[in-house]
Amino acid sequence: MPEWIVQYENHEWDYVYGRFDPINPVVTFKHGYEPSTFTCEIALSDPKLTRELIGPKRNDVRVYRDNNPIWDGELREVNLEFERDTLLCEHSDFMQYLDDRIFPFHYPWEFGDWPKGVPDPENPNRNYNWQNKDLFVIARDIVEAMVADDPNVPPFEVGGSATGTLTTYLIHAGDQTTILEHLRTLGDREDGFDLRVNRTGDHIEIVLLHPRADDEEIVYTITKDIGQITQFNWTNKGPDGTWTMGLGAGYPAKSLAAEYQHFDSIVQFRRRDNIVDFGRTRNLTHLQKLTAAENHRALFPQKELELSILVNVAHLPNFWALSLNRPQSLLGRRIWVGPIKFYDYWVVDAAFKILDMTIEPDEDGNEFCTFGLEMIDG
C-alpha cells in the first residue's frame, strides 16, 4: 500500500514543523497557467497539530508518496466545522504565488523616465520596454526583476531556452498585471511556451517549455481491456464559434482587433460569434495569426472526456515511473482512448490531450486518477 505523507516547512525549508498522515488527500495537476492544488485533512486529535504550528500563507508544504516528493506548494487556507473532527487544509503550488505578485510595484519616478526604455538604475541591463526580444528573454527578465526587487520571495530560478519568436513588450507605470498574467500573455503566443513550476533542490524552477509539452507521442492507450475504468464522461459541445474576433492592446488611445471567419462552416452550422482577448498583443499581423488559429480550434466540435481509472501495477503499470514520480510532467501530452463503443451511437477511438489530472488514494491503498481530456481533431 503506497504511503502518503504531508510535510509542513518554513519558508527557508530548513525547519520541518510537522509530518502528518493526510486524511482524504486529493492532488490536482493542471496544464497551462492555472495553479495545481492539494487538499487534505489532518486529525485534530493528532498531538503534533497545534494552532501555532502551521498557518495559511506562512508554511510551505511537500507531499510525499513512498518517500518520493510528488507535489510542492504553500498552505493557503484551513477550515474547521462542527461535523468534522479534522482540520481541512487547502494548498496551491508556487504558480499561485506568481498570481499574487505585481511587478513593478513602484511609482514611476523610482525608475527615472521609465517606462520609456530607460533601464532599472540598479540593473542597467534590464528595462521594461523590450524591443524585438525573444519571448523567453522577456519572461525571464520579468521574473528575475521580481526576485531582485525583494528577497522575501520563494527562491525562483528560470529555466528554458529561446523560442525564436521576437516581439515588443511594454509594461506601463501603474500596471496591475500579475506576473502569471505576463507569462500567460507571452506563452500563449503562436510559437510560445508551456509553463511548469517545480521545486528542485534548493530552489523553485520556473520552466518555460519550448517546444511545448505536446510532442505528439502517445503516452498511454486506454481501452476497456486495460482494467477498471471507474468513470467515463464524454461530452460533445459542438463548435465554440464560426466567426472569431481577436482583441489586442493596440495603442493607448485605441484597441486592436482582427476578424476571421470560415465560410464552409455555414453548410453545417449557423453563425456563432467567438471573441477572444489576446491581452497585450500589439502587432496586427501577429494578432491575425492568433485569431486564425483560435478560429480553427473553435470550428471543430469541442469534445471533452473525463476518465477515471485505477492506477496500479495491473492497470497503468508505468504511471509513476513514466512521470518520474512527478505526474505534472504528463500534462499537455497525449493519451489514446478507445475503441470504446456505446451501442451503435458512437465509438470513442481518438487521441486526447491531458489538461488536468486528479489523483486520489482510498483507505484500501487504491489510487485513482481522473484525467481531464480534450480531443485532438484530425
Protein backbone atom coordinates (compact mmCIF):
# COMPACT_ATOMS: atom_id res chain seq x y z
CA MET A 1 0.00 0.00 0.00
CA PRO A 2 1.52 3.38 -1.01
CA GLU A 3 2.24 5.71 1.91
CA TRP A 4 1.29 9.38 1.57
CA ILE A 5 2.85 11.96 3.92
CA VAL A 6 2.33 15.73 4.08
CA GLN A 7 5.23 17.76 5.48
CA TYR A 8 4.99 21.40 6.59
CA GLU A 9 8.12 23.55 6.50
CA ASN A 10 9.19 27.13 7.00
CA HIS A 11 9.89 29.40 4.02
CA GLU A 12 13.60 28.63 4.05
CA TRP A 13 12.94 24.84 4.03
CA ASP A 14 15.47 24.38 6.82
CA TYR A 15 12.95 23.53 9.52
CA VAL A 16 10.15 20.96 9.46
CA TYR A 17 7.15 21.93 11.58
CA GLY A 18 5.46 18.58 11.29
CA ARG A 19 4.79 15.47 9.21
CA PHE A 20 1.27 14.09 9.11
CA ASP A 21 -0.70 11.20 7.68
CA PRO A 22 -3.15 13.05 5.44
CA ILE A 23 -6.82 12.08 5.52
CA ASN A 24 -8.65 12.13 2.17
CA PRO A 25 -5.69 13.56 0.21
CA VAL A 26 -6.50 14.82 -3.28
CA VAL A 27 -3.90 16.33 -5.61
CA THR A 28 -4.88 18.01 -8.87
CA PHE A 29 -2.33 18.85 -11.55
CA LYS A 30 -3.40 21.40 -14.17
CA HIS A 31 -1.96 22.17 -17.58
CA GLY A 32 -1.48 25.75 -18.70
CA TYR A 33 -1.50 28.76 -16.41
CA GLU A 34 -3.78 27.55 -13.63
CA PRO A 35 -2.15 26.53 -10.34
CA SER A 36 -2.24 22.92 -9.20
CA THR A 37 -3.79 22.15 -5.83
CA PHE A 38 -3.56 19.72 -2.94
CA THR A 39 -6.29 19.21 -0.36
CA CYS A 40 -6.24 17.02 2.73
CA GLU A 41 -7.49 16.76 6.29
CA ILE A 42 -5.44 16.37 9.46
CA ALA A 43 -6.88 14.76 12.57
CA LEU A 44 -7.44 17.33 15.33
CA SER A 45 -6.55 14.61 17.81
CA ASP A 46 -3.01 14.39 16.42
CA PRO A 47 -0.78 15.63 19.27
CA LYS A 48 1.66 17.17 16.79
CA LEU A 49 -1.01 19.57 15.47
CA THR A 50 -1.27 22.91 17.27
CA ARG A 51 -2.71 26.26 16.20
CA GLU A 52 0.74 27.85 16.26
CA LEU A 53 2.31 25.07 14.22
CA ILE A 54 1.01 25.88 10.76
CA GLY A 55 -0.83 28.81 9.22
CA PRO A 56 -2.08 29.89 5.80
CA LYS A 57 0.50 31.65 3.62
CA ARG A 58 3.27 31.19 6.18
CA ASN A 59 4.03 27.50 5.64
CA ASP A 60 5.34 25.64 2.62
CA VAL A 61 4.27 22.06 2.13
CA ARG A 62 5.74 18.99 0.46
CA VAL A 63 3.69 15.89 -0.34
CA TYR A 64 5.45 12.53 -0.38
CA ARG A 65 4.34 9.22 -1.84
CA ASP A 66 6.51 6.34 -0.68
CA ASN A 67 9.22 8.85 0.31
CA ASN A 68 9.22 10.44 -3.16
CA PRO A 69 8.13 14.11 -3.34
CA ILE A 70 5.26 14.40 -5.83
CA TRP A 71 3.91 17.91 -5.11
CA ASP A 72 5.08 21.17 -3.53
CA GLY A 73 3.41 24.43 -2.66
CA GLU A 74 2.04 26.74 0.01
CA LEU A 75 -0.67 26.28 2.62
CA ARG A 76 -3.41 28.70 1.54
CA GLU A 77 -6.40 28.04 3.77
CA VAL A 78 -7.56 25.99 6.77
CA ASN A 79 -11.11 25.25 7.84
CA LEU A 80 -12.98 23.85 10.87
CA GLU A 81 -16.55 22.53 11.02
CA PHE A 82 -18.69 21.08 13.81
CA GLU A 83 -19.44 17.98 11.72
CA ARG A 84 -15.76 17.19 11.25
CA ASP A 85 -13.04 16.18 13.71
CA THR A 86 -10.33 17.21 11.27
CA LEU A 87 -8.62 20.36 10.05
CA LEU A 88 -9.26 20.85 6.34
CA CYS A 89 -6.13 22.18 4.63
CA GLU A 90 -6.06 23.63 1.13
CA HIS A 91 -2.83 24.26 -0.74
CA SER A 92 -1.72 25.69 -4.08
CA ASP A 93 1.56 25.20 -5.87
CA PHE A 94 4.05 28.02 -6.34
CA MET A 95 2.46 29.09 -9.61
CA GLN A 96 -0.24 30.64 -7.44
CA TYR A 97 2.38 32.91 -5.87
CA LEU A 98 3.09 34.35 -9.32
CA ASP A 99 -0.56 35.40 -9.45
CA ASP A 100 -0.16 37.17 -6.10
CA ARG A 101 2.64 39.41 -7.34
CA ILE A 102 2.54 42.56 -9.45
CA PHE A 103 5.78 43.96 -10.76
CA PRO A 104 6.98 46.68 -10.99
CA PHE A 105 5.21 47.59 -7.75
CA HIS A 106 6.61 51.13 -7.67
CA TYR A 107 5.76 54.66 -8.57
CA PRO A 108 7.27 55.67 -11.93
CA TRP A 109 9.83 58.12 -10.59
CA GLU A 110 11.79 55.33 -8.99
CA PHE A 111 12.88 54.40 -12.49
CA GLY A 112 13.57 57.88 -13.85
CA ASP A 113 11.95 58.13 -17.27
CA TRP A 114 10.73 54.56 -17.07
CA PRO A 115 8.80 53.06 -18.85
CA LYS A 116 10.26 54.79 -21.91
CA GLY A 117 13.02 52.25 -22.30
CA VAL A 118 15.29 53.62 -19.56
CA PRO A 119 16.95 50.77 -17.61
CA ASP A 120 16.38 49.99 -13.97
CA PRO A 121 19.11 52.07 -12.24
CA GLU A 122 20.12 49.08 -10.10
CA ASN A 123 20.44 46.82 -13.14
CA PRO A 124 21.46 48.69 -16.31
CA ASN A 125 20.99 45.55 -18.40
CA ARG A 126 17.25 45.38 -17.70
CA ASN A 127 14.42 47.67 -18.69
CA TYR A 128 10.68 47.41 -19.05
CA ASN A 129 10.31 48.29 -22.71
CA TRP A 130 11.50 45.33 -24.74
CA GLN A 131 12.01 45.88 -28.47
CA ASN A 132 12.31 42.80 -30.71
CA LYS A 133 13.27 40.49 -27.86
CA ASP A 134 12.69 36.75 -27.59
CA LEU A 135 9.62 35.69 -25.60
CA PHE A 136 11.85 33.70 -23.26
CA VAL A 137 14.12 36.71 -22.57
CA ILE A 138 11.15 38.93 -21.68
CA ALA A 139 9.58 36.33 -19.39
CA ARG A 140 12.92 35.66 -17.69
CA ASP A 141 13.57 39.37 -17.17
CA ILE A 142 10.16 39.89 -15.56
CA VAL A 143 10.61 37.02 -13.08
CA GLU A 144 14.21 37.92 -12.25
CA ALA A 145 13.26 41.56 -11.70
CA MET A 146 10.54 40.49 -9.27
CA VAL A 147 13.00 38.31 -7.33
CA ALA A 148 15.67 41.01 -7.25
CA ASP A 149 13.18 43.61 -6.03
CA ASP A 150 12.54 41.88 -2.68
CA PRO A 151 14.35 38.90 -1.12
CA ASN A 152 11.16 37.85 0.68
CA VAL A 153 10.03 35.62 -2.20
CA PRO A 154 10.27 31.91 -2.97
CA PRO A 155 13.71 31.00 -4.41
CA PHE A 156 12.70 31.15 -8.07
CA GLU A 157 15.02 30.39 -10.95
CA VAL A 158 14.05 30.50 -14.61
CA GLY A 159 14.86 27.61 -16.93
CA GLY A 160 14.21 27.05 -20.59
CA SER A 161 15.55 28.22 -23.92
CA ALA A 162 14.90 30.83 -26.56
CA THR A 163 11.70 30.36 -28.56
CA GLY A 164 12.93 32.08 -31.71
CA THR A 165 9.91 34.40 -31.60
CA LEU A 166 10.74 38.10 -31.21
CA THR A 167 8.26 40.67 -30.02
CA THR A 168 7.86 44.11 -28.48
CA TYR A 169 6.56 44.26 -24.92
CA LEU A 170 5.93 47.27 -22.70
CA ILE A 171 4.94 47.44 -19.03
CA HIS A 172 3.34 50.78 -18.20
CA ALA A 173 3.73 52.60 -14.91
CA GLY A 174 0.99 51.56 -12.51
CA ASP A 175 0.26 48.39 -14.49
CA GLN A 176 -1.86 45.95 -12.44
CA THR A 177 -0.98 42.86 -14.46
CA THR A 178 0.28 39.98 -12.31
CA ILE A 179 3.47 38.06 -13.05
CA LEU A 180 1.43 35.00 -14.02
CA GLU A 181 -0.66 37.05 -16.44
CA HIS A 182 2.51 38.39 -18.08
CA LEU A 183 3.80 34.84 -18.52
CA ARG A 184 0.43 33.70 -19.90
CA THR A 185 0.37 36.56 -22.43
CA LEU A 186 3.86 35.67 -23.65
CA GLY A 187 3.45 31.89 -23.53
CA ASP A 188 0.08 31.77 -25.29
CA ARG A 189 1.53 33.19 -28.47
CA GLU A 190 1.64 31.02 -31.56
CA ASP A 191 5.22 29.86 -31.00
CA GLY A 192 5.32 30.45 -27.27
CA PHE A 193 5.93 28.10 -24.36
CA ASP A 194 4.24 25.93 -21.75
CA LEU A 195 4.79 26.79 -18.09
CA ARG A 196 5.96 24.45 -15.36
CA VAL A 197 6.78 25.39 -11.77
CA ASN A 198 8.77 22.73 -9.88
CA ARG A 199 10.67 22.65 -6.61
CA THR A 200 14.11 21.28 -7.47
CA GLY A 201 16.82 21.00 -4.85
CA ASP A 202 17.12 24.31 -3.01
CA HIS A 203 15.15 26.40 -5.49
CA ILE A 204 11.88 26.56 -7.41
CA GLU A 205 12.38 26.32 -11.13
CA ILE A 206 10.05 28.18 -13.45
CA VAL A 207 10.43 26.20 -16.65
CA LEU A 208 9.39 27.84 -19.91
CA LEU A 209 8.93 24.78 -22.11
CA HIS A 210 9.75 25.31 -25.76
CA PRO A 211 8.91 23.29 -27.76
CA ARG A 212 5.70 22.71 -25.85
CA ALA A 213 4.95 19.56 -23.87
CA ASP A 214 2.87 18.05 -26.67
CA ASP A 215 5.38 16.08 -28.77
CA GLU A 216 2.51 14.19 -30.49
CA GLU A 217 3.65 10.93 -28.90
CA ILE A 218 1.02 8.74 -27.22
CA VAL A 219 1.81 8.22 -23.53
CA TYR A 220 -0.90 5.64 -22.83
CA THR A 221 -3.57 3.73 -24.68
CA ILE A 222 -6.63 3.19 -22.53
CA THR A 223 -9.34 0.72 -23.50
CA LYS A 224 -11.95 -1.24 -21.59
CA ASP A 225 -9.50 -4.13 -21.54
CA ILE A 226 -6.79 -2.24 -19.65
CA GLY A 227 -8.60 -2.59 -16.37
CA GLN A 228 -11.05 -0.86 -14.13
CA ILE A 229 -12.40 2.35 -15.63
CA THR A 230 -14.43 3.81 -12.76
CA GLN A 231 -15.81 6.87 -14.55
CA PHE A 232 -16.33 7.76 -18.22
CA ASN A 233 -17.94 11.11 -19.03
CA TRP A 234 -17.73 12.13 -22.70
CA THR A 235 -19.22 15.41 -23.93
CA ASN A 236 -19.60 16.92 -27.40
CA LYS A 237 -20.39 20.63 -27.15
CA GLY A 238 -20.29 21.45 -30.85
CA PRO A 239 -18.20 24.36 -32.15
CA ASP A 240 -17.43 27.32 -29.92
CA GLY A 241 -17.84 29.67 -32.86
CA THR A 242 -17.72 30.02 -36.64
CA TRP A 243 -16.68 33.68 -36.64
CA THR A 244 -13.87 34.78 -34.34
CA MET A 245 -12.77 38.26 -33.31
CA GLY A 246 -9.39 38.56 -31.64
CA LEU A 247 -8.71 41.61 -29.45
CA GLY A 248 -5.29 43.09 -28.75
CA ALA A 249 -3.93 46.01 -26.77
CA GLY A 250 -3.35 48.41 -29.65
CA TYR A 251 -2.08 51.79 -28.53
CA PRO A 252 -3.03 53.98 -25.56
CA ALA A 253 -5.82 55.72 -27.46
CA LYS A 254 -7.36 52.72 -29.25
CA SER A 255 -7.79 48.99 -29.24
CA LEU A 256 -6.63 46.50 -31.85
CA ALA A 257 -8.83 43.81 -33.39
CA ALA A 258 -8.69 41.14 -36.08
CA GLU A 259 -11.57 39.13 -37.53
CA TYR A 260 -11.63 35.68 -39.07
CA GLN A 261 -14.48 33.57 -40.44
CA HIS A 262 -14.90 30.17 -42.07
CA PHE A 263 -17.41 30.26 -44.89
CA ASP A 264 -17.58 26.47 -45.37
CA SER A 265 -19.00 26.11 -41.86
CA ILE A 266 -22.36 27.57 -42.93
CA VAL A 267 -23.08 24.21 -44.57
CA GLN A 268 -23.32 22.55 -41.16
CA PHE A 269 -23.77 25.30 -38.58
CA ARG A 270 -25.47 28.62 -38.09
CA ARG A 271 -23.18 31.57 -37.49
CA ARG A 272 -21.91 31.75 -33.91
CA ASP A 273 -19.59 34.52 -32.76
CA ASN A 274 -16.50 33.97 -30.66
CA ILE A 275 -14.48 36.82 -29.11
CA VAL A 276 -11.05 36.19 -27.61
CA ASP A 277 -8.95 38.77 -25.77
CA PHE A 278 -5.25 38.24 -26.50
CA GLY A 279 -4.27 40.77 -23.88
CA ARG A 280 -1.19 42.84 -24.56
CA THR A 281 -0.75 41.83 -28.23
CA ARG A 282 0.11 44.98 -30.21
CA ASN A 283 1.22 43.65 -33.58
CA LEU A 284 -1.67 43.36 -36.05
CA THR A 285 -0.03 40.62 -38.14
CA HIS A 286 0.60 38.54 -35.06
CA LEU A 287 -2.94 39.19 -33.81
CA GLN A 288 -4.34 37.98 -37.14
CA LYS A 289 -2.36 34.73 -36.84
CA LEU A 290 -3.59 34.17 -33.30
CA THR A 291 -7.17 34.87 -34.36
CA ALA A 292 -6.95 32.46 -37.30
CA ALA A 293 -5.55 29.72 -35.05
CA GLU A 294 -8.29 30.29 -32.47
CA ASN A 295 -10.95 30.24 -35.19
CA HIS A 296 -9.59 26.91 -36.44
CA ARG A 297 -9.85 25.49 -32.93
CA ALA A 298 -13.32 26.92 -32.30
CA LEU A 299 -14.72 25.50 -35.56
CA PHE A 300 -14.29 21.90 -34.51
CA PRO A 301 -16.86 20.35 -32.17
CA GLN A 302 -15.38 20.63 -28.69
CA LYS A 303 -15.16 17.07 -27.40
CA GLU A 304 -14.19 16.59 -23.77
CA LEU A 305 -13.66 13.44 -21.78
CA GLU A 306 -13.40 12.89 -18.03
CA LEU A 307 -11.93 9.48 -17.47
CA SER A 308 -11.16 7.86 -14.09
CA ILE A 309 -9.05 4.76 -13.86
CA LEU A 310 -7.43 2.71 -11.14
CA VAL A 311 -3.72 3.49 -11.09
CA ASN A 312 -1.82 0.39 -10.02
CA VAL A 313 0.59 -2.16 -11.41
CA ALA A 314 -2.13 -4.11 -13.20
CA HIS A 315 -3.83 -1.19 -14.91
CA LEU A 316 -1.33 1.59 -15.57
CA PRO A 317 1.97 -0.06 -14.66
CA ASN A 318 4.18 2.82 -15.79
CA PHE A 319 2.12 5.70 -14.39
CA TRP A 320 4.53 6.75 -11.64
CA ALA A 321 7.71 5.57 -13.36
CA LEU A 322 7.00 7.37 -16.64
CA SER A 323 6.50 10.66 -14.83
CA LEU A 324 9.49 10.03 -12.55
CA ASN A 325 7.05 10.38 -9.66
CA ARG A 326 6.13 13.83 -10.96
CA PRO A 327 2.72 13.45 -12.68
CA GLN A 328 2.90 17.11 -13.67
CA SER A 329 5.31 16.07 -16.43
CA LEU A 330 2.45 14.27 -18.22
CA LEU A 331 0.34 17.42 -18.58
CA GLY A 332 -0.15 18.60 -22.13
CA ARG A 333 0.82 15.22 -23.54
CA ARG A 334 -1.42 12.74 -25.34
CA ILE A 335 -3.20 9.53 -24.49
CA TRP A 336 -5.28 7.36 -26.81
CA VAL A 337 -8.71 6.31 -25.61
CA GLY A 338 -10.57 3.52 -27.35
CA PRO A 339 -12.06 1.85 -29.02
CA ILE A 340 -14.92 2.15 -26.55
CA LYS A 341 -18.32 1.57 -28.13
CA PHE A 342 -21.65 2.98 -27.00
CA TYR A 343 -24.04 0.68 -28.83
CA ASP A 344 -24.34 1.85 -32.45
CA TYR A 345 -24.45 5.53 -31.47
CA TRP A 346 -20.78 6.31 -31.07
CA VAL A 347 -17.33 4.79 -30.84
CA VAL A 348 -14.72 6.78 -28.92
CA ASP A 349 -11.38 5.99 -30.53
CA ALA A 350 -9.11 9.04 -30.66
CA ALA A 351 -6.16 10.92 -29.24
CA PHE A 352 -6.77 13.30 -26.33
CA LYS A 353 -4.58 15.93 -24.70
CA ILE A 354 -4.18 15.76 -20.91
CA LEU A 355 -5.46 19.06 -19.47
CA ASP A 356 -5.62 18.05 -15.83
CA MET A 357 -5.13 15.04 -13.56
CA THR A 358 -6.63 14.43 -10.14
CA ILE A 359 -5.06 11.65 -8.05
CA GLU A 360 -6.86 10.34 -5.01
CA PRO A 361 -5.95 7.31 -2.86
CA ASP A 362 -8.62 5.48 -0.86
CA GLU A 363 -8.42 3.82 2.56
CA ASP A 364 -7.58 0.46 0.98
CA GLY A 365 -4.48 1.79 -0.75
CA ASN A 366 -6.02 2.01 -4.22
CA GLU A 367 -5.08 5.11 -6.19
CA PHE A 368 -7.44 6.57 -8.74
CA CYS A 369 -6.54 9.09 -11.41
CA THR A 370 -9.16 11.20 -13.13
CA PHE A 371 -7.95 12.62 -16.43
CA GLY A 372 -9.48 15.79 -17.83
CA LEU A 373 -9.01 15.37 -21.58
CA GLU A 374 -9.57 17.36 -24.75
CA MET A 375 -9.95 15.53 -28.03
CA ILE A 376 -7.35 16.33 -30.68
CA ASP A 377 -9.04 16.86 -34.04
CA GLY A 378 -7.58 15.15 -37.04
